[in-house]
């Protein structure tokens, strides 16, 4: 699985979650929610240091990652985080 994050999405995290260079943002699997990838699950996020990162990318000095225990959710597909200007929020994109 390859993970990417756009500069615009990283800027959203800086503004909305007050993260700065050196911080770490975890994407994790949540039960429930509204997602179009794995039925009955969605992606949550929190600011915390990684325990066992399986996929990661650094943008603007911020480390974004998914833990090994949550990698199943992505079903061996790539994971992209972008910024949706129309909705003014981040967007999760699954696939190659």
PDB file of N, CA and C in Angstrom:
ATOM      1  N   UNK A   1       0.839  -1.175   0.000  1.00  0.00           N
ATOM      2  CA  UNK A   1       0.000   0.000   0.000  1.00  0.00           C
ATOM      3  C   UNK A   1       0.883   1.238   0.000  1.00  0.00           C
ATOM      4  N   UNK A   2       0.595   2.132  -0.893  1.00  0.00           N
ATOM      5  CA  UNK A   2       1.287   3.416  -0.954  1.00  0.00           C
ATOM      6  C   UNK A   2       0.358   4.483  -0.365  1.00  0.00           C
ATOM      7  N   UNK A   3       0.920   5.355   0.421  1.00  0.00           N
ATOM      8  CA  UNK A   3       0.143   6.419   1.063  1.00  0.00           C
ATOM      9  C   UNK A   3       0.689   7.767   0.606  1.00  0.00           C
ATOM     10  N   UNK A   4      -0.199   8.673   0.214  1.00  0.00           N
ATOM     11  CA  UNK A   4       0.214  10.018  -0.175  1.00  0.00           C
ATOM     12  C   UNK A   4      -0.696  11.046   0.490  1.00  0.00           C
ATOM     13  N   UNK A   5      -0.188  12.248   0.632  1.00  0.00           N
ATOM     14  CA  UNK A   5      -0.985  13.361   1.143  1.00  0.00           C
ATOM     15  C   UNK A   5      -0.584  14.618   0.377  1.00  0.00           C
ATOM     16  N   UNK A   6      -1.560  15.364  -0.074  1.00  0.00           N
ATOM     17  CA  UNK A   6      -1.267  16.573  -0.839  1.00  0.00           C
ATOM     18  C   UNK A   6      -0.821  17.699   0.103  1.00  0.00           C
ATOM     19  N   UNK A   7      -0.112  18.661  -0.455  1.00  0.00           N
ATOM     20  CA  UNK A   7       0.316  19.828   0.322  1.00  0.00           C
ATOM     21  C   UNK A   7      -0.901  20.580   0.866  1.00  0.00           C
ATOM     22  N   UNK A   8      -1.971  20.632   0.073  1.00  0.00           N
ATOM     23  CA  UNK A   8      -3.200  21.310   0.501  1.00  0.00           C
ATOM     24  C   UNK A   8      -3.853  20.594   1.679  1.00  0.00           C
ATOM     25  N   UNK A   9      -3.832  19.268   1.649  1.00  0.00           N
ATOM     26  CA  UNK A   9      -4.389  18.497   2.777  1.00  0.00           C
ATOM     27  C   UNK A   9      -3.541  18.707   4.025  1.00  0.00           C
ATOM     28  N   UNK A  10      -2.219  18.705   3.871  1.00  0.00           N
ATOM     29  CA  UNK A  10      -1.339  18.942   5.016  1.00  0.00           C
ATOM     30  C   UNK A  10      -1.599  20.331   5.604  1.00  0.00           C
ATOM     31  N   UNK A  11      -1.836  21.305   4.752  1.00  0.00           N
ATOM     32  CA  UNK A  11      -2.145  22.662   5.227  1.00  0.00           C
ATOM     33  C   UNK A  11      -3.465  22.674   6.004  1.00  0.00           C
ATOM     34  N   UNK A  12      -4.444  21.870   5.565  1.00  0.00           N
ATOM     35  CA  UNK A  12      -5.713  21.762   6.291  1.00  0.00           C
ATOM     36  C   UNK A  12      -5.459  21.250   7.709  1.00  0.00           C
ATOM     37  N   UNK A  13      -4.602  20.225   7.841  1.00  0.00           N
ATOM     38  CA  UNK A  13      -4.282  19.693   9.167  1.00  0.00           C
ATOM     39  C   UNK A  13      -3.619  20.755  10.036  1.00  0.00           C
ATOM     40  N   UNK A  14      -2.745  21.564   9.455  1.00  0.00           N
ATOM     41  CA  UNK A  14      -2.098  22.634  10.216  1.00  0.00           C
ATOM     42  C   UNK A  14      -3.135  23.625  10.738  1.00  0.00           C
ATOM     43  N   UNK A  15      -4.084  23.995   9.890  1.00  0.00           N
ATOM     44  CA  UNK A  15      -5.094  24.992  10.276  1.00  0.00           C
ATOM     45  C   UNK A  15      -6.164  24.423  11.203  1.00  0.00           C
ATOM     46  N   UNK A  16      -6.711  23.276  10.837  1.00  0.00           N
ATOM     47  CA  UNK A  16      -7.867  22.741  11.556  1.00  0.00           C
ATOM     48  C   UNK A  16      -7.511  21.919  12.801  1.00  0.00           C
ATOM     49  N   UNK A  17      -6.353  21.270  12.794  1.00  0.00           N
ATOM     50  CA  UNK A  17      -5.979  20.417  13.921  1.00  0.00           C
ATOM     51  C   UNK A  17      -4.769  20.960  14.669  1.00  0.00           C
ATOM     52  N   UNK A  18      -4.288  22.119  14.230  1.00  0.00           N
ATOM     53  CA  UNK A  18      -3.188  22.804  14.910  1.00  0.00           C
ATOM     54  C   UNK A  18      -1.932  21.938  15.023  1.00  0.00           C
ATOM     55  N   UNK A  19      -1.661  21.129  13.992  1.00  0.00           N
ATOM     56  CA  UNK A  19      -0.433  20.333  13.987  1.00  0.00           C
ATOM     57  C   UNK A  19       0.686  21.128  13.321  1.00  0.00           C
ATOM     58  N   UNK A  20       1.906  20.831  13.715  1.00  0.00           N
ATOM     59  CA  UNK A  20       3.072  21.509  13.165  1.00  0.00           C
ATOM     60  C   UNK A  20       4.155  20.480  12.850  1.00  0.00           C
ATOM     61  N   UNK A  21       5.198  20.938  12.222  1.00  0.00           N
ATOM     62  CA  UNK A  21       6.314  20.068  11.887  1.00  0.00           C
ATOM     63  C   UNK A  21       6.781  19.315  13.133  1.00  0.00           C
ATOM     64  N   UNK A  22       6.964  18.009  12.997  1.00  0.00           N
ATOM     65  CA  UNK A  22       7.355  17.164  14.121  1.00  0.00           C
ATOM     66  C   UNK A  22       6.195  16.391  14.720  1.00  0.00           C
ATOM     67  N   UNK A  23       4.957  16.822  14.439  1.00  0.00           N
ATOM     68  CA  UNK A  23       3.787  16.100  14.933  1.00  0.00           C
ATOM     69  C   UNK A  23       3.522  14.864  14.076  1.00  0.00           C
ATOM     70  N   UNK A  24       2.696  13.956  14.605  1.00  0.00           N
ATOM     71  CA  UNK A  24       2.312  12.733  13.901  1.00  0.00           C
ATOM     72  C   UNK A  24       0.794  12.609  13.911  1.00  0.00           C
ATOM     73  N   UNK A  25       0.217  12.269  12.754  1.00  0.00           N
ATOM     74  CA  UNK A  25      -1.228  12.108  12.615  1.00  0.00           C
ATOM     75  C   UNK A  25      -1.514  10.672  12.207  1.00  0.00           C
ATOM     76  N   UNK A  26      -2.345  10.011  13.002  1.00  0.00           N
ATOM     77  CA  UNK A  26      -2.711   8.615  12.741  1.00  0.00           C
ATOM     78  C   UNK A  26      -4.080   8.542  12.072  1.00  0.00           C
ATOM     79  N   UNK A  27      -4.173   7.749  11.007  1.00  0.00           N
ATOM     80  CA  UNK A  27      -5.449   7.386  10.394  1.00  0.00           C
ATOM     81  C   UNK A  27      -5.770   5.989  10.900  1.00  0.00           C
ATOM     82  N   UNK A  28      -6.963   5.809  11.460  1.00  0.00           N
ATOM     83  CA  UNK A  28      -7.320   4.512  12.036  1.00  0.00           C
ATOM     84  C   UNK A  28      -8.723   4.097  11.610  1.00  0.00           C
ATOM     85  N   UNK A  29      -9.010   2.821  11.770  1.00  0.00           N
ATOM     86  CA  UNK A  29     -10.307   2.270  11.389  1.00  0.00           C
ATOM     87  C   UNK A  29     -11.298   2.468  12.524  1.00  0.00           C
ATOM     88  N   UNK A  30     -12.479   2.977  12.150  1.00  0.00           N
ATOM     89  CA  UNK A  30     -13.576   3.149  13.113  1.00  0.00           C
ATOM     90  C   UNK A  30     -14.744   2.275  12.686  1.00  0.00           C
ATOM     91  N   UNK A  31     -15.444   1.743  13.653  1.00  0.00           N
ATOM     92  CA  UNK A  31     -16.669   1.002  13.365  1.00  0.00           C
ATOM     93  C   UNK A  31     -17.781   2.015  13.133  1.00  0.00           C
ATOM     94  N   UNK A  32     -18.508   1.858  12.037  1.00  0.00           N
ATOM     95  CA  UNK A  32     -19.601   2.768  11.712  1.00  0.00           C
ATOM     96  C   UNK A  32     -19.116   3.959  10.918  1.00  0.00           C
ATOM     97  N   UNK A  33     -19.969   4.941  10.812  1.00  0.00           N
ATOM     98  CA  UNK A  33     -19.633   6.124  10.037  1.00  0.00           C
ATOM     99  C   UNK A  33     -20.056   5.963   8.591  1.00  0.00           C
ATOM    100  N   UNK A  34     -19.762   6.969   7.810  1.00  0.00           N
ATOM    101  CA  UNK A  34     -20.180   7.001   6.411  1.00  0.00           C
ATOM    102  C   UNK A  34     -18.949   6.937   5.518  1.00  0.00           C
ATOM    103  N   UNK A  35     -18.635   5.754   5.051  1.00  0.00           N
ATOM    104  CA  UNK A  35     -17.483   5.579   4.160  1.00  0.00           C
ATOM    105  C   UNK A  35     -17.909   4.742   2.966  1.00  0.00           C
ATOM    106  N   UNK A  36     -17.220   4.933   1.873  1.00  0.00           N
ATOM    107  CA  UNK A  36     -17.591   4.206   0.661  1.00  0.00           C
ATOM    108  C   UNK A  36     -16.587   3.116   0.301  1.00  0.00           C
ATOM    109  N   UNK A  37     -15.790   2.690   1.259  1.00  0.00           N
ATOM    110  CA  UNK A  37     -14.758   1.713   0.936  1.00  0.00           C
ATOM    111  C   UNK A  37     -15.047   0.349   1.563  1.00  0.00           C
ATOM    112  N   UNK A  38     -15.032   0.270   2.884  1.00  0.00           N
ATOM    113  CA  UNK A  38     -15.353  -0.978   3.582  1.00  0.00           C
ATOM    114  C   UNK A  38     -16.677  -0.761   4.324  1.00  0.00           C
ATOM    115  N   UNK A  39     -17.692  -1.450   3.909  1.00  0.00           N
ATOM    116  CA  UNK A  39     -19.022  -1.286   4.490  1.00  0.00           C
ATOM    117  C   UNK A  39     -18.995  -1.476   6.006  1.00  0.00           C
ATOM    118  N   UNK A  40     -19.600  -0.526   6.717  1.00  0.00           N
ATOM    119  CA  UNK A  40     -19.694  -0.608   8.167  1.00  0.00           C
ATOM    120  C   UNK A  40     -18.518   0.002   8.915  1.00  0.00           C
ATOM    121  N   UNK A  41     -17.522   0.512   8.189  1.00  0.00           N
ATOM    122  CA  UNK A  41     -16.338   1.110   8.800  1.00  0.00           C
ATOM    123  C   UNK A  41     -16.020   2.441   8.140  1.00  0.00           C
ATOM    124  N   UNK A  42     -15.259   3.256   8.825  1.00  0.00           N
ATOM    125  CA  UNK A  42     -14.806   4.532   8.271  1.00  0.00           C
ATOM    126  C   UNK A  42     -13.427   4.851   8.839  1.00  0.00           C
ATOM    127  N   UNK A  43     -12.861   5.949   8.395  1.00  0.00           N
ATOM    128  CA  UNK A  43     -11.527   6.356   8.831  1.00  0.00           C
ATOM    129  C   UNK A  43     -11.645   7.454   9.881  1.00  0.00           C
ATOM    130  N   UNK A  44     -10.947   7.263  10.983  1.00  0.00           N
ATOM    131  CA  UNK A  44     -10.827   8.294  12.001  1.00  0.00           C
ATOM    132  C   UNK A  44      -9.405   8.823  11.985  1.00  0.00           C
ATOM    133  N   UNK A  45      -9.172   9.897  12.702  1.00  0.00           N
ATOM    134  CA  UNK A  45      -7.816  10.421  12.788  1.00  0.00           C
ATOM    135  C   UNK A  45      -7.583  11.057  14.139  1.00  0.00           C
ATOM    136  N   UNK A  46      -6.318  10.992  14.555  1.00  0.00           N
ATOM    137  CA  UNK A  46      -5.923  11.570  15.829  1.00  0.00           C
ATOM    138  C   UNK A  46      -4.457  11.969  15.749  1.00  0.00           C
ATOM    139  N   UNK A  47      -4.061  12.845  16.634  1.00  0.00           N
ATOM    140  CA  UNK A  47      -2.661  13.257  16.715  1.00  0.00           C
ATOM    141  C   UNK A  47      -2.006  12.442  17.825  1.00  0.00           C
ATOM    142  N   UNK A  48      -1.102  11.541  17.431  1.00  0.00           N
ATOM    143  CA  UNK A  48      -0.376  10.722  18.407  1.00  0.00           C
ATOM    144  C   UNK A  48       0.809  10.065  17.722  1.00  0.00           C
ATOM    145  N   UNK A  49       1.786   9.688  18.522  1.00  0.00           N
ATOM    146  CA  UNK A  49       2.964   9.014  17.992  1.00  0.00           C
ATOM    147  C   UNK A  49       2.632   7.582  17.583  1.00  0.00           C
ATOM    148  N   UNK A  50       3.295   7.131  16.537  1.00  0.00           N
ATOM    149  CA  UNK A  50       3.062   5.783  16.016  1.00  0.00           C
ATOM    150  C   UNK A  50       3.626   4.725  16.952  1.00  0.00           C
ATOM    151  N   UNK A  51       2.918   3.588  17.019  1.00  0.00           N
ATOM    152  CA  UNK A  51       3.416   2.419  17.732  1.00  0.00           C
ATOM    153  C   UNK A  51       4.053   1.438  16.761  1.00  0.00           C
ATOM    154  N   UNK A  52       3.339   1.168  15.648  1.00  0.00           N
ATOM    155  CA  UNK A  52       3.794   0.178  14.673  1.00  0.00           C
ATOM    156  C   UNK A  52       3.258   0.558  13.290  1.00  0.00           C
ATOM    157  N   UNK A  53       3.791   1.615  12.706  1.00  0.00           N
ATOM    158  CA  UNK A  53       3.309   2.114  11.420  1.00  0.00           C
ATOM    159  C   UNK A  53       3.583   1.126  10.298  1.00  0.00           C
ATOM    160  N   UNK A  54       2.546   0.876   9.485  1.00  0.00           N
ATOM    161  CA  UNK A  54       2.686  -0.009   8.329  1.00  0.00           C
ATOM    162  C   UNK A  54       2.808   0.797   7.041  1.00  0.00           C
ATOM    163  N   UNK A  55       2.256   2.002   7.039  1.00  0.00           N
ATOM    164  CA  UNK A  55       2.348   2.906   5.892  1.00  0.00           C
ATOM    165  C   UNK A  55       2.480   4.313   6.446  1.00  0.00           C
ATOM    166  N   UNK A  56       3.293   5.121   5.785  1.00  0.00           N
ATOM    167  CA  UNK A  56       3.480   6.487   6.270  1.00  0.00           C
ATOM    168  C   UNK A  56       3.993   7.387   5.162  1.00  0.00           C
ATOM    169  N   UNK A  57       3.774   8.667   5.368  1.00  0.00           N
ATOM    170  CA  UNK A  57       4.282   9.687   4.466  1.00  0.00           C
ATOM    171  C   UNK A  57       4.490  10.952   5.297  1.00  0.00           C
ATOM    172  N   UNK A  58       5.489  11.737   4.946  1.00  0.00           N
ATOM    173  CA  UNK A  58       5.743  12.993   5.646  1.00  0.00           C
ATOM    174  C   UNK A  58       5.526  14.143   4.674  1.00  0.00           C
ATOM    175  N   UNK A  59       4.760  15.118   5.104  1.00  0.00           N
ATOM    176  CA  UNK A  59       4.497  16.320   4.311  1.00  0.00           C
ATOM    177  C   UNK A  59       4.538  17.513   5.245  1.00  0.00           C
ATOM    178  N   UNK A  60       5.275  18.541   4.859  1.00  0.00           N
ATOM    179  CA  UNK A  60       5.422  19.757   5.663  1.00  0.00           C
ATOM    180  C   UNK A  60       5.972  19.434   7.059  1.00  0.00           C
ATOM    181  N   UNK A  61       6.776  18.371   7.145  1.00  0.00           N
ATOM    182  CA  UNK A  61       7.386  17.979   8.413  1.00  0.00           C
ATOM    183  C   UNK A  61       6.466  17.205   9.333  1.00  0.00           C
ATOM    184  N   UNK A  62       5.246  16.922   8.887  1.00  0.00           N
ATOM    185  CA  UNK A  62       4.256  16.184   9.680  1.00  0.00           C
ATOM    186  C   UNK A  62       4.225  14.744   9.180  1.00  0.00           C
ATOM    187  N   UNK A  63       4.315  13.796  10.092  1.00  0.00           N
ATOM    188  CA  UNK A  63       4.269  12.372   9.731  1.00  0.00           C
ATOM    189  C   UNK A  63       2.822  11.893   9.789  1.00  0.00           C
ATOM    190  N   UNK A  64       2.310  11.388   8.679  1.00  0.00           N
ATOM    191  CA  UNK A  64       0.973  10.824   8.580  1.00  0.00           C
ATOM    192  C   UNK A  64       1.138   9.314   8.424  1.00  0.00           C
ATOM    193  N   UNK A  65       0.354   8.520   9.155  1.00  0.00           N
ATOM    194  CA  UNK A  65       0.587   7.080   9.122  1.00  0.00           C
ATOM    195  C   UNK A  65      -0.671   6.263   9.410  1.00  0.00           C
ATOM    196  N   UNK A  66      -0.575   4.976   9.070  1.00  0.00           N
ATOM    197  CA  UNK A  66      -1.582   3.965   9.398  1.00  0.00           C
ATOM    198  C   UNK A  66      -0.854   2.856  10.149  1.00  0.00           C
ATOM    199  N   UNK A  67      -1.402   2.436  11.277  1.00  0.00           N
ATOM    200  CA  UNK A  67      -0.797   1.356  12.065  1.00  0.00           C
ATOM    201  C   UNK A  67      -1.021   0.003  11.381  1.00  0.00           C
ATOM    202  N   UNK A  68      -0.131  -0.928  11.645  1.00  0.00           N
ATOM    203  CA  UNK A  68      -0.201  -2.269  11.073  1.00  0.00           C
ATOM    204  C   UNK A  68      -1.554  -2.940  11.375  1.00  0.00           C
ATOM    205  N   UNK A  69      -2.101  -2.734  12.560  1.00  0.00           N
ATOM    206  CA  UNK A  69      -3.368  -3.384  12.939  1.00  0.00           C
ATOM    207  C   UNK A  69      -4.565  -2.876  12.127  1.00  0.00           C
ATOM    208  N   UNK A  70      -4.409  -1.732  11.448  1.00  0.00           N
ATOM    209  CA  UNK A  70      -5.501  -1.154  10.656  1.00  0.00           C
ATOM    210  C   UNK A  70      -5.298  -1.279   9.151  1.00  0.00           C
ATOM    211  N   UNK A  71      -4.215  -1.880   8.734  1.00  0.00           N
ATOM    212  CA  UNK A  71      -3.883  -1.930   7.308  1.00  0.00           C
ATOM    213  C   UNK A  71      -4.892  -2.770   6.509  1.00  0.00           C
ATOM    214  N   UNK A  72      -5.579  -3.726   7.160  1.00  0.00           N
ATOM    215  CA  UNK A  72      -6.563  -4.572   6.479  1.00  0.00           C
ATOM    216  C   UNK A  72      -7.650  -3.753   5.796  1.00  0.00           C
ATOM    217  N   UNK A  73      -7.999  -2.615   6.398  1.00  0.00           N
ATOM    218  CA  UNK A  73      -9.083  -1.781   5.896  1.00  0.00           C
ATOM    219  C   UNK A  73      -8.849  -1.351   4.447  1.00  0.00           C
ATOM    220  N   UNK A  74      -7.608  -1.151   4.093  1.00  0.00           N
ATOM    221  CA  UNK A  74      -7.269  -0.613   2.775  1.00  0.00           C
ATOM    222  C   UNK A  74      -7.187  -1.680   1.696  1.00  0.00           C
ATOM    223  N   UNK A  75      -7.330  -2.949   2.089  1.00  0.00           N
ATOM    224  CA  UNK A  75      -7.440  -4.060   1.150  1.00  0.00           C
ATOM    225  C   UNK A  75      -6.337  -4.036   0.089  1.00  0.00           C
ATOM    226  N   UNK A  76      -5.114  -3.700   0.551  1.00  0.00           N
ATOM    227  CA  UNK A  76      -3.933  -3.679  -0.318  1.00  0.00           C
ATOM    228  C   UNK A  76      -4.047  -2.688  -1.481  1.00  0.00           C
ATOM    229  N   UNK A  77      -4.809  -1.611  -1.284  1.00  0.00           N
ATOM    230  CA  UNK A  77      -4.889  -0.549  -2.291  1.00  0.00           C
ATOM    231  C   UNK A  77      -4.212   0.702  -1.748  1.00  0.00           C
ATOM    232  N   UNK A  78      -3.873   1.606  -2.631  1.00  0.00           N
ATOM    233  CA  UNK A  78      -3.237   2.847  -2.210  1.00  0.00           C
ATOM    234  C   UNK A  78      -4.236   3.752  -1.494  1.00  0.00           C
ATOM    235  N   UNK A  79      -3.699   4.619  -0.651  1.00  0.00           N
ATOM    236  CA  UNK A  79      -4.506   5.527   0.165  1.00  0.00           C
ATOM    237  C   UNK A  79      -3.986   6.945  -0.044  1.00  0.00           C
ATOM    238  N   UNK A  80      -4.847   7.818  -0.541  1.00  0.00           N
ATOM    239  CA  UNK A  80      -4.472   9.201  -0.823  1.00  0.00           C
ATOM    240  C   UNK A  80      -5.338  10.143   0.010  1.00  0.00           C
ATOM    241  N   UNK A  81      -4.712  11.148   0.572  1.00  0.00           N
ATOM    242  CA  UNK A  81      -5.436  12.175   1.323  1.00  0.00           C
ATOM    243  C   UNK A  81      -5.274  13.474   0.555  1.00  0.00           C
ATOM    244  N   UNK A  82      -6.381  14.077   0.189  1.00  0.00           N
ATOM    245  CA  UNK A  82      -6.365  15.318  -0.588  1.00  0.00           C
ATOM    246  C   UNK A  82      -7.279  16.329   0.081  1.00  0.00           C
ATOM    247  N   UNK A  83      -7.312  17.530  -0.451  1.00  0.00           N
ATOM    248  CA  UNK A  83      -8.190  18.581   0.059  1.00  0.00           C
ATOM    249  C   UNK A  83      -9.253  18.876  -0.983  1.00  0.00           C
ATOM    250  N   UNK A  84     -10.512  18.827  -0.580  1.00  0.00           N
ATOM    251  CA  UNK A  84     -11.639  19.131  -1.455  1.00  0.00           C
ATOM    252  C   UNK A  84     -11.998  20.601  -1.259  1.00  0.00           C
ATOM    253  N   UNK A  85     -11.633  21.439  -2.238  1.00  0.00           N
ATOM    254  CA  UNK A  85     -11.865  22.884  -2.112  1.00  0.00           C
ATOM    255  C   UNK A  85     -13.342  23.238  -2.050  1.00  0.00           C
ATOM    256  N   UNK A  86     -14.164  22.515  -2.792  1.00  0.00           N
ATOM    257  CA  UNK A  86     -15.595  22.798  -2.800  1.00  0.00           C
ATOM    258  C   UNK A  86     -16.231  22.554  -1.429  1.00  0.00           C
ATOM    259  N   UNK A  87     -15.855  21.434  -0.784  1.00  0.00           N
ATOM    260  CA  UNK A  87     -16.402  21.096   0.531  1.00  0.00           C
ATOM    261  C   UNK A  87     -15.595  21.704   1.676  1.00  0.00           C
ATOM    262  N   UNK A  88     -14.404  22.217   1.355  1.00  0.00           N
ATOM    263  CA  UNK A  88     -13.491  22.793   2.344  1.00  0.00           C
ATOM    264  C   UNK A  88     -13.149  21.798   3.452  1.00  0.00           C
ATOM    265  N   UNK A  89     -12.824  20.564   3.020  1.00  0.00           N
ATOM    266  CA  UNK A  89     -12.435  19.520   3.967  1.00  0.00           C
ATOM    267  C   UNK A  89     -11.515  18.523   3.270  1.00  0.00           C
ATOM    268  N   UNK A  90     -10.919  17.654   4.064  1.00  0.00           N
ATOM    269  CA  UNK A  90     -10.059  16.644   3.472  1.00  0.00           C
ATOM    270  C   UNK A  90     -10.908  15.540   2.843  1.00  0.00           C
ATOM    271  N   UNK A  91     -10.310  14.856   1.877  1.00  0.00           N
ATOM    272  CA  UNK A  91     -10.978  13.757   1.191  1.00  0.00           C
ATOM    273  C   UNK A  91     -10.056  12.552   1.193  1.00  0.00           C
ATOM    274  N   UNK A  92     -10.625  11.377   1.475  1.00  0.00           N
ATOM    275  CA  UNK A  92      -9.874  10.127   1.452  1.00  0.00           C
ATOM    276  C   UNK A  92     -10.175   9.417   0.140  1.00  0.00           C
ATOM    277  N   UNK A  93      -9.125   9.055  -0.570  1.00  0.00           N
ATOM    278  CA  UNK A  93      -9.275   8.400  -1.869  1.00  0.00           C
ATOM    279  C   UNK A  93      -8.553   7.059  -1.803  1.00  0.00           C
ATOM    280  N   UNK A  94      -9.273   5.996  -2.118  1.00  0.00           N
ATOM    281  CA  UNK A  94      -8.711   4.649  -2.103  1.00  0.00           C
ATOM    282  C   UNK A  94      -8.531   4.190  -3.544  1.00  0.00           C
ATOM    283  N   UNK A  95      -7.461   3.502  -3.793  1.00  0.00           N
ATOM    284  CA  UNK A  95      -7.240   2.926  -5.119  1.00  0.00           C
ATOM    285  C   UNK A  95      -5.897   3.320  -5.680  1.00  0.00           C
ATOM    286  N   UNK A  96      -5.594   2.744  -6.817  1.00  0.00           N
ATOM    287  CA  UNK A  96      -4.289   2.971  -7.441  1.00  0.00           C
ATOM    288  C   UNK A  96      -4.209   4.299  -8.156  1.00  0.00           C
TER     289      UNK A  96
END
